[in-house]
Amino acid sequence: MKTRRMPAAALMTLAALFLMTGCEYDGPRALYYETHPETVTPVITQMTPAEAAAGAQVLTLSGENFSQVPANNLVYINGYACEITSQSPASITIRRPDRYGDSCRVKIVNTEAIEFGLFEPYRIEQAYASFGGFPQATELLAMTVDRDENVYVFQKTPRTVYKVSPDGSKTELGTSSKAVTDAVPGPNGKIILLMNHANIQAMNPSDGSEELWVTVTNKKVQYGDFDANGCFYAGGAGTDLIVVRPDLSFAASGQYPRANIHAIRVYGGCVYVLAEDLTAGADPKIAVWKHAVTDAAGALGAKTLVLNRALTGAYADSTFHDIEFSAAGDLFVGTSHAHPVLKVAPDQSSDMYYKNLLPTAARQLVWGNGDFLYMLRAGGKWDLIRIDAGEPGAPHHGR
């Protein structure tokens, strides 16, 4: 008896029929078989400002089809995830990103939609850059800017004095006689040097040579600034606020008998002092105060509180290093915070200046003669930073 075998092709056909009719596949089906709800792509129709020039702190995307659920909106610029500060289905405001260029790509993602929206090219100016080519391992103590926009930088060890020209080229002027804690342009084109000492020196900016300017008896002053009348206000740890008159006579003001003074800045006819009150239980402990200048001899009015560090929110536990003013009257505080510059408006509203851009920390802030704000970076990575603020600073009377 002959056995008949079913051809292989027939077997395969029967197997396929069995699979289609005799069993059901219960696993997940391919995504392209699913029915998806229809989504609407977000669209960016406008960016405000039209280009992100220097000084712009926030940018606004206008358009349509943004999500009504805040967590579902994401904004990227050249791959950088931007911080959203406010939003609606037709408008999203972000902080200026840590990106710059002439052809930036702005991407809006609505996680409820399949496709994303693009706006390009968008121009964002560079907000800051290292200036002068300083090695970050070398500690820098102080700086100042003269009327020609030259920046003088004072190093800790060795005590080298550098001059950085407006084009960023750096030259060595020599060595300071002591470690410099502050420097201010002063009379006859000299640079006044404070060195945590009773002697205040005057440096010749052409060759770095020094001469004694004035000695304030037994007071180791560290910081100072000139007013419009040529009076110089100086102070330091436990020194009180000292007034040096144009004839080089001097006197203690009596306003800070138990305090460490950390910064002094003259603005708008007032002397501003960043001070730590050493009195037990003092409140505020660390604050910025101001005094009206009441005559040409440097007489001062009573203390008026400007800023209490304890009430600065995220900055309340930070070290306050320095203070500076814009021409518009905004107070800038250099701090040890991760976002190192606190900006306080005349109405007392405040914000993190150039948040997410500037490196920490800010040991010193000095405005140049135009729109550049110079920052001496501390915190282990020492550097001179030139910030394009997009606005001028308040005048420095010693220049």
Protein backbone atom coordinates (compact mmCIF):
# COMPACT_ATOMS: atom_id res chain seq x y z
CA MET A 1 0.00 0.00 0.00
CA LYS A 2 1.48 3.30 -1.05
CA THR A 3 1.49 6.20 1.41
CA ARG A 4 0.58 9.56 -0.09
CA ARG A 5 2.22 12.61 1.34
CA MET A 6 0.67 16.07 1.21
CA PRO A 7 2.78 18.51 -0.75
CA ALA A 8 4.69 21.09 1.34
CA ALA A 9 2.88 23.99 -0.32
CA ALA A 10 -0.48 22.57 0.75
CA LEU A 11 0.69 22.11 4.30
CA MET A 12 1.71 25.74 4.50
CA THR A 13 -1.62 26.87 3.14
CA LEU A 14 -3.56 24.81 5.73
CA ALA A 15 -1.35 26.14 8.52
CA ALA A 16 -2.06 29.70 7.47
CA LEU A 17 -5.81 29.03 7.38
CA PHE A 18 -5.63 27.50 10.84
CA LEU A 19 -3.86 30.50 12.25
CA MET A 20 -6.42 32.87 10.77
CA THR A 21 -9.51 30.92 11.80
CA GLY A 22 -8.58 28.63 14.64
CA CYS A 23 -6.83 31.01 17.05
CA GLU A 24 -6.95 34.66 18.01
CA TYR A 25 -3.88 36.85 18.64
CA ASP A 26 -4.30 38.55 22.00
CA GLY A 27 -1.05 40.60 22.10
CA PRO A 28 -0.69 44.35 21.35
CA ARG A 29 -1.30 45.40 17.78
CA ALA A 30 1.09 47.57 15.82
CA LEU A 31 0.72 51.30 16.60
CA TYR A 32 -0.26 52.16 13.05
CA TYR A 33 -3.41 50.03 13.37
CA GLU A 34 -4.64 52.16 16.31
CA THR A 35 -7.17 54.93 15.88
CA HIS A 36 -5.74 58.22 17.17
CA PRO A 37 -7.67 61.34 18.05
CA GLU A 38 -6.95 64.22 15.73
CA THR A 39 -4.45 66.78 17.14
CA VAL A 40 -3.65 70.34 16.19
CA THR A 41 -0.04 71.39 15.72
CA PRO A 42 1.15 74.36 17.83
CA VAL A 43 2.19 77.37 15.77
CA ILE A 44 4.55 80.26 16.66
CA THR A 45 3.54 83.35 14.70
CA GLN A 46 5.72 85.94 16.44
CA MET A 47 8.66 86.34 18.84
CA THR A 48 8.87 89.38 21.12
CA PRO A 49 11.26 91.13 21.02
CA ALA A 50 11.82 90.63 17.31
CA GLU A 51 15.40 89.74 18.21
CA ALA A 52 16.88 89.16 21.64
CA ALA A 53 19.22 92.10 22.00
CA ALA A 54 21.41 92.60 25.05
CA GLY A 55 19.47 93.26 28.23
CA ALA A 56 16.33 91.30 27.30
CA GLN A 57 15.58 89.08 30.28
CA VAL A 58 12.50 87.31 28.89
CA LEU A 59 11.20 86.35 25.43
CA THR A 60 7.56 85.83 24.42
CA LEU A 61 6.23 83.31 21.90
CA SER A 62 2.87 84.31 20.41
CA GLY A 63 0.79 81.88 18.38
CA GLU A 64 -1.95 79.32 18.69
CA ASN A 65 -2.70 75.79 19.78
CA PHE A 66 -0.51 75.91 22.87
CA SER A 67 -1.81 73.60 25.59
CA GLN A 68 -4.12 74.92 28.28
CA VAL A 69 -2.32 72.57 30.68
CA PRO A 70 0.94 74.33 31.65
CA ALA A 71 2.91 71.12 32.15
CA ASN A 72 2.20 70.08 28.56
CA ASN A 73 4.03 73.04 26.98
CA LEU A 74 7.77 72.74 26.42
CA VAL A 75 10.03 75.30 24.71
CA TYR A 76 13.49 74.60 23.35
CA ILE A 77 15.97 76.98 21.71
CA ASN A 78 18.80 75.24 19.89
CA GLY A 79 18.13 72.22 22.09
CA TYR A 80 18.16 74.17 25.37
CA ALA A 81 15.11 73.56 27.58
CA CYS A 82 13.84 77.04 28.44
CA GLU A 83 12.28 78.09 31.73
CA ILE A 84 8.65 79.14 31.20
CA THR A 85 7.57 82.05 33.41
CA SER A 86 3.98 82.53 32.18
CA GLN A 87 1.71 80.99 29.57
CA SER A 88 -1.68 80.80 27.93
CA PRO A 89 -3.04 78.94 24.85
CA ALA A 90 -1.81 81.85 22.68
CA SER A 91 1.26 83.19 24.51
CA ILE A 92 4.25 81.74 26.37
CA THR A 93 6.97 83.78 28.08
CA ILE A 94 10.37 82.24 28.75
CA ARG A 95 13.60 83.37 30.34
CA ARG A 96 16.41 84.22 27.98
CA PRO A 97 18.18 80.91 27.24
CA ASP A 98 21.85 80.10 27.55
CA ARG A 99 22.14 80.11 23.76
CA TYR A 100 23.00 82.78 21.21
CA GLY A 101 23.48 83.20 17.47
CA ASP A 102 22.00 84.74 14.34
CA SER A 103 19.96 81.68 13.35
CA CYS A 104 18.54 80.15 16.51
CA ARG A 105 15.71 77.61 16.24
CA VAL A 106 12.74 78.05 18.59
CA LYS A 107 10.69 74.88 19.10
CA ILE A 108 7.32 74.69 20.88
CA VAL A 109 6.13 71.25 21.97
CA ASN A 110 2.56 70.60 23.05
CA THR A 111 2.70 67.07 24.44
CA GLU A 112 -0.96 66.61 23.49
CA ALA A 113 -0.07 67.05 19.80
CA ILE A 114 1.88 64.77 17.46
CA GLU A 115 3.85 67.51 15.73
CA PHE A 116 5.75 70.49 17.14
CA GLY A 117 5.96 74.09 16.00
CA LEU A 118 9.09 75.90 14.81
CA PHE A 119 10.15 79.53 14.51
CA GLU A 120 13.45 80.25 12.76
CA PRO A 121 15.77 81.97 12.26
CA TYR A 122 15.71 83.94 15.51
CA ARG A 123 18.63 86.15 16.55
CA ILE A 124 19.89 86.11 20.14
CA GLU A 125 22.87 88.28 21.05
CA GLN A 126 25.60 86.97 23.32
CA ALA A 127 24.93 88.19 26.86
CA TYR A 128 28.35 87.76 28.45
CA ALA A 129 31.85 86.42 27.89
CA SER A 130 35.10 85.95 29.76
CA PHE A 131 37.25 89.05 29.26
CA GLY A 132 41.00 89.48 29.40
CA GLY A 133 41.99 85.81 29.24
CA PHE A 134 42.55 85.11 32.94
CA PRO A 135 43.36 81.54 34.05
CA GLN A 136 40.52 80.40 36.28
CA ALA A 137 42.88 78.84 38.83
CA THR A 138 44.32 82.24 39.80
CA GLU A 139 42.41 84.19 42.47
CA LEU A 140 41.42 87.72 41.51
CA LEU A 141 40.69 90.12 44.38
CA ALA A 142 39.43 93.40 42.94
CA MET A 143 38.92 95.45 39.80
CA THR A 144 37.92 98.90 38.61
CA VAL A 145 37.21 100.67 35.30
CA ASP A 146 38.63 104.05 34.25
CA ARG A 147 37.07 106.75 32.04
CA ASP A 148 38.60 105.16 28.94
CA GLU A 149 37.03 101.75 29.67
CA ASN A 150 40.30 100.15 30.71
CA VAL A 151 39.77 97.52 33.40
CA TYR A 152 42.36 97.17 36.17
CA VAL A 153 42.44 93.76 37.84
CA PHE A 154 44.32 92.90 41.03
CA GLN A 155 45.50 89.36 41.63
CA LYS A 156 46.03 87.74 45.02
CA THR A 157 49.20 85.65 44.65
CA PRO A 158 51.43 86.95 43.23
CA ARG A 159 50.00 90.48 43.64
CA THR A 160 50.15 91.21 39.92
CA VAL A 161 48.26 94.24 38.57
CA TYR A 162 46.74 93.84 35.11
CA LYS A 163 45.33 96.37 32.68
CA VAL A 164 42.75 95.06 30.22
CA SER A 165 42.08 97.35 27.25
CA PRO A 166 38.61 97.71 25.70
CA ASP A 167 39.62 95.23 22.97
CA GLY A 168 40.34 92.60 25.65
CA SER A 169 44.14 92.69 25.39
CA LYS A 170 45.87 92.31 28.77
CA THR A 171 49.16 93.79 30.02
CA GLU A 172 50.97 93.59 33.35
CA LEU A 173 51.52 96.89 35.16
CA GLY A 174 53.56 95.52 38.04
CA THR A 175 52.88 94.35 41.58
CA SER A 176 50.80 96.02 44.27
CA SER A 177 52.43 96.70 47.62
CA LYS A 178 49.69 94.78 49.45
CA ALA A 179 46.67 92.67 48.57
CA VAL A 180 44.03 95.00 47.09
CA THR A 181 40.48 94.70 48.44
CA ASP A 182 38.95 97.52 46.37
CA ALA A 183 40.03 100.03 43.74
CA VAL A 184 38.38 103.27 42.58
CA PRO A 185 39.40 105.89 39.99
CA GLY A 186 40.28 109.09 41.82
CA PRO A 187 41.89 112.54 41.62
CA ASN A 188 44.49 113.37 38.95
CA GLY A 189 43.73 110.20 37.01
CA LYS A 190 45.12 107.98 39.76
CA ILE A 191 43.57 104.70 40.92
CA ILE A 192 42.81 104.72 44.65
CA LEU A 193 43.73 101.38 46.26
CA LEU A 194 42.27 100.03 49.49
CA MET A 195 44.24 97.19 51.07
CA ASN A 196 42.67 96.40 54.45
CA HIS A 197 45.07 98.94 55.91
CA ALA A 198 45.03 102.43 57.39
CA ASN A 199 47.09 103.63 54.43
CA ILE A 200 45.13 104.26 51.24
CA GLN A 201 47.39 104.26 48.19
CA ALA A 202 47.18 106.07 44.85
CA MET A 203 48.37 104.08 41.82
CA ASN A 204 49.66 105.56 38.58
CA PRO A 205 47.71 103.67 35.87
CA SER A 206 50.49 104.07 33.32
CA ASP A 207 53.14 102.08 35.19
CA GLY A 208 51.52 100.66 38.36
CA SER A 209 53.68 102.74 40.72
CA GLU A 210 52.12 103.72 44.06
CA GLU A 211 52.23 106.63 46.47
CA LEU A 212 50.49 107.28 49.77
CA TRP A 213 47.21 109.11 49.32
CA VAL A 214 45.93 109.34 52.91
CA THR A 215 46.20 107.51 56.21
CA VAL A 216 43.05 107.03 58.26
CA THR A 217 44.30 106.59 61.82
CA ASN A 218 44.10 102.95 63.07
CA LYS A 219 41.34 102.07 60.63
CA LYS A 220 41.97 99.19 58.21
CA VAL A 221 39.60 100.21 55.45
CA GLN A 222 38.70 97.81 52.64
CA TYR A 223 36.06 99.47 50.42
CA GLY A 224 35.21 102.98 49.22
CA ASP A 225 33.67 105.34 46.68
CA PHE A 226 33.68 109.06 45.75
CA ASP A 227 30.75 111.46 45.68
CA ALA A 228 30.21 114.35 43.25
CA ASN A 229 31.99 116.76 45.63
CA GLY A 230 35.18 114.73 45.78
CA CYS A 231 34.51 113.28 49.24
CA PHE A 232 35.60 109.67 49.64
CA TYR A 233 33.64 107.26 51.86
CA ALA A 234 35.59 104.27 53.17
CA GLY A 235 35.02 101.39 55.55
CA GLY A 236 35.83 97.82 56.47
CA ALA A 237 35.63 95.38 59.35
CA GLY A 238 34.75 97.32 62.50
CA THR A 239 35.94 100.66 61.09
CA ASP A 240 32.71 102.70 61.06
CA LEU A 241 32.01 104.67 57.86
CA ILE A 242 34.83 107.18 57.37
CA VAL A 243 34.56 110.36 55.30
CA VAL A 244 37.77 111.58 53.61
CA ARG A 245 37.31 115.17 52.41
CA PRO A 246 39.01 116.66 49.33
CA ASP A 247 41.62 118.33 51.57
CA LEU A 248 42.38 114.80 52.93
CA SER A 249 41.05 115.56 56.39
CA PHE A 250 38.82 112.75 57.59
CA ALA A 251 36.35 111.78 60.29
CA ALA A 252 34.25 108.79 61.31
CA SER A 253 30.54 109.24 60.62
CA GLY A 254 29.42 107.46 63.80
CA GLN A 255 26.75 105.59 61.80
CA TYR A 256 28.31 102.11 61.97
CA PRO A 257 30.04 101.79 65.37
CA ARG A 258 29.58 97.99 65.52
CA ALA A 259 29.50 96.72 61.96
CA ASN A 260 31.53 95.10 59.22
CA ILE A 261 31.21 97.08 56.01
CA HIS A 262 31.37 94.93 52.86
CA ALA A 263 30.70 97.44 50.07
CA ILE A 264 30.14 101.18 49.49
CA ARG A 265 28.58 102.86 46.45
CA VAL A 266 27.52 106.47 45.88
CA TYR A 267 24.42 106.96 43.73
CA GLY A 268 21.87 109.73 43.30
CA GLY A 269 23.26 111.98 46.03
CA CYS A 270 23.28 109.15 48.58
CA VAL A 271 25.91 106.85 50.03
CA TYR A 272 24.85 103.19 49.99
CA VAL A 273 26.50 100.80 52.44
CA LEU A 274 26.34 97.00 52.53
CA ALA A 275 26.96 96.21 56.18
CA GLU A 276 26.75 93.41 58.72
CA ASP A 277 25.56 94.58 62.13
CA LEU A 278 27.65 92.93 64.88
CA THR A 279 25.22 93.86 67.66
CA ALA A 280 23.72 90.79 69.37
CA GLY A 281 20.20 90.17 68.09
CA ALA A 282 20.49 92.82 65.38
CA ASP A 283 17.61 92.92 62.92
CA PRO A 284 18.41 93.27 60.10
CA LYS A 285 21.73 91.52 60.46
CA ILE A 286 22.98 92.05 56.92
CA ALA A 287 21.46 94.86 54.87
CA VAL A 288 21.98 97.66 52.39
CA TRP A 289 21.48 101.12 53.90
CA LYS A 290 21.56 104.58 52.40
CA HIS A 291 22.43 108.06 53.67
CA ALA A 292 21.68 111.35 51.97
CA VAL A 293 24.78 113.50 51.45
CA THR A 294 23.76 116.77 53.11
CA ASP A 295 26.71 119.06 52.30
CA ALA A 296 29.89 119.39 50.25
CA ALA A 297 32.01 118.25 53.20
CA GLY A 298 30.43 114.80 53.20
CA ALA A 299 28.00 115.17 56.09
CA LEU A 300 25.48 112.33 56.04
CA GLY A 301 21.85 111.99 56.97
CA ALA A 302 20.43 109.15 59.04
CA LYS A 303 20.43 105.50 57.92
CA THR A 304 17.51 104.38 55.74
CA LEU A 305 16.98 100.69 55.09
CA VAL A 306 17.12 99.75 51.40
CA LEU A 307 17.38 95.95 51.42
CA ASN A 308 17.24 93.35 54.20
CA ARG A 309 19.04 90.17 53.14
CA ALA A 310 16.73 88.05 55.31
CA LEU A 311 13.79 89.12 53.12
CA THR A 312 15.34 88.32 49.74
CA GLY A 313 13.86 84.83 49.40
CA ALA A 314 16.26 82.48 47.63
CA TYR A 315 19.16 84.85 48.44
CA ALA A 316 18.52 85.01 52.18
CA ASP A 317 21.29 82.52 52.99
CA SER A 318 23.76 83.73 50.37
CA THR A 319 26.83 85.87 50.97
CA PHE A 320 26.35 89.43 49.74
CA HIS A 321 29.66 90.62 48.24
CA ASP A 322 29.05 93.89 46.41
CA ILE A 323 26.50 96.46 45.22
CA GLU A 324 26.19 98.47 42.00
CA PHE A 325 23.56 100.66 40.30
CA SER A 326 22.22 101.05 36.79
CA ALA A 327 21.44 104.52 35.47
CA ALA A 328 17.74 103.64 35.87
CA GLY A 329 18.21 103.20 39.62
CA ASP A 330 18.13 99.40 39.82
CA LEU A 331 20.28 97.96 42.59
CA PHE A 332 22.47 95.02 41.58
CA VAL A 333 23.85 92.79 44.34
CA GLY A 334 26.74 90.42 43.69
CA THR A 335 26.26 87.23 45.69
CA SER A 336 27.45 83.65 46.22
CA HIS A 337 24.12 82.28 44.94
CA ALA A 338 24.00 79.90 41.96
CA HIS A 339 22.35 82.78 40.07
CA PRO A 340 24.87 85.31 41.33
CA VAL A 341 23.31 88.71 40.63
CA LEU A 342 20.16 89.90 42.41
CA LYS A 343 18.43 92.85 40.72
CA VAL A 344 16.23 95.06 42.89
CA ALA A 345 14.08 97.74 41.23
CA PRO A 346 13.28 101.09 42.87
CA ASP A 347 9.79 99.75 43.70
CA GLN A 348 11.50 96.89 45.62
CA SER A 349 10.48 94.19 43.14
CA SER A 350 13.37 91.82 42.51
CA ASP A 351 14.54 89.11 40.15
CA MET A 352 17.50 86.89 39.34
CA TYR A 353 19.46 88.88 36.77
CA TYR A 354 20.21 86.89 33.59
CA LYS A 355 19.05 83.77 35.40
CA ASN A 356 20.57 80.51 34.11
CA LEU A 357 23.25 82.41 32.18
CA LEU A 358 25.84 83.91 34.53
CA PRO A 359 28.37 81.68 36.30
CA THR A 360 28.58 81.87 40.08
CA ALA A 361 29.78 83.63 42.17
CA ALA A 362 29.96 87.44 41.88
CA ARG A 363 32.69 88.89 44.12
CA GLN A 364 32.52 92.37 42.58
CA LEU A 365 30.35 94.31 40.12
CA VAL A 366 31.48 97.47 38.34
CA TRP A 367 29.66 99.22 35.51
CA GLY A 368 31.76 100.65 32.73
CA ASN A 369 31.09 103.91 30.93
CA GLY A 370 28.48 102.40 28.61
CA ASP A 371 26.40 99.24 28.64
CA PHE A 372 29.02 96.81 29.94
CA LEU A 373 28.70 95.49 33.49
CA TYR A 374 31.93 93.82 34.65
CA MET A 375 31.76 90.95 37.12
CA LEU A 376 34.67 89.50 39.03
CA ARG A 377 33.89 85.83 39.35
CA ALA A 378 34.79 83.99 42.57
CA GLY A 379 33.90 80.62 44.05
CA GLY A 380 37.03 78.73 42.99
CA LYS A 381 36.84 79.61 39.28
CA TRP A 382 38.27 83.10 39.16
CA ASP A 383 37.55 85.15 36.07
CA LEU A 384 36.69 88.57 34.73
CA ILE A 385 33.27 88.51 33.06
CA ARG A 386 32.00 91.25 30.74
CA ILE A 387 28.19 91.38 30.66
CA ASP A 388 26.35 93.24 27.92
CA ALA A 389 23.57 94.75 30.03
CA GLY A 390 21.88 96.62 27.19
CA GLU A 391 21.67 99.72 29.40
CA PRO A 392 24.14 102.13 31.02
CA GLY A 393 25.24 102.12 34.62
CA ALA A 394 25.08 104.97 37.09
CA PRO A 395 28.08 107.35 36.93
CA HIS A 396 31.17 106.77 39.04
CA HIS A 397 32.19 110.20 40.31
CA GLY A 398 35.89 109.40 40.57
CA ARG A 399 36.30 108.83 36.83
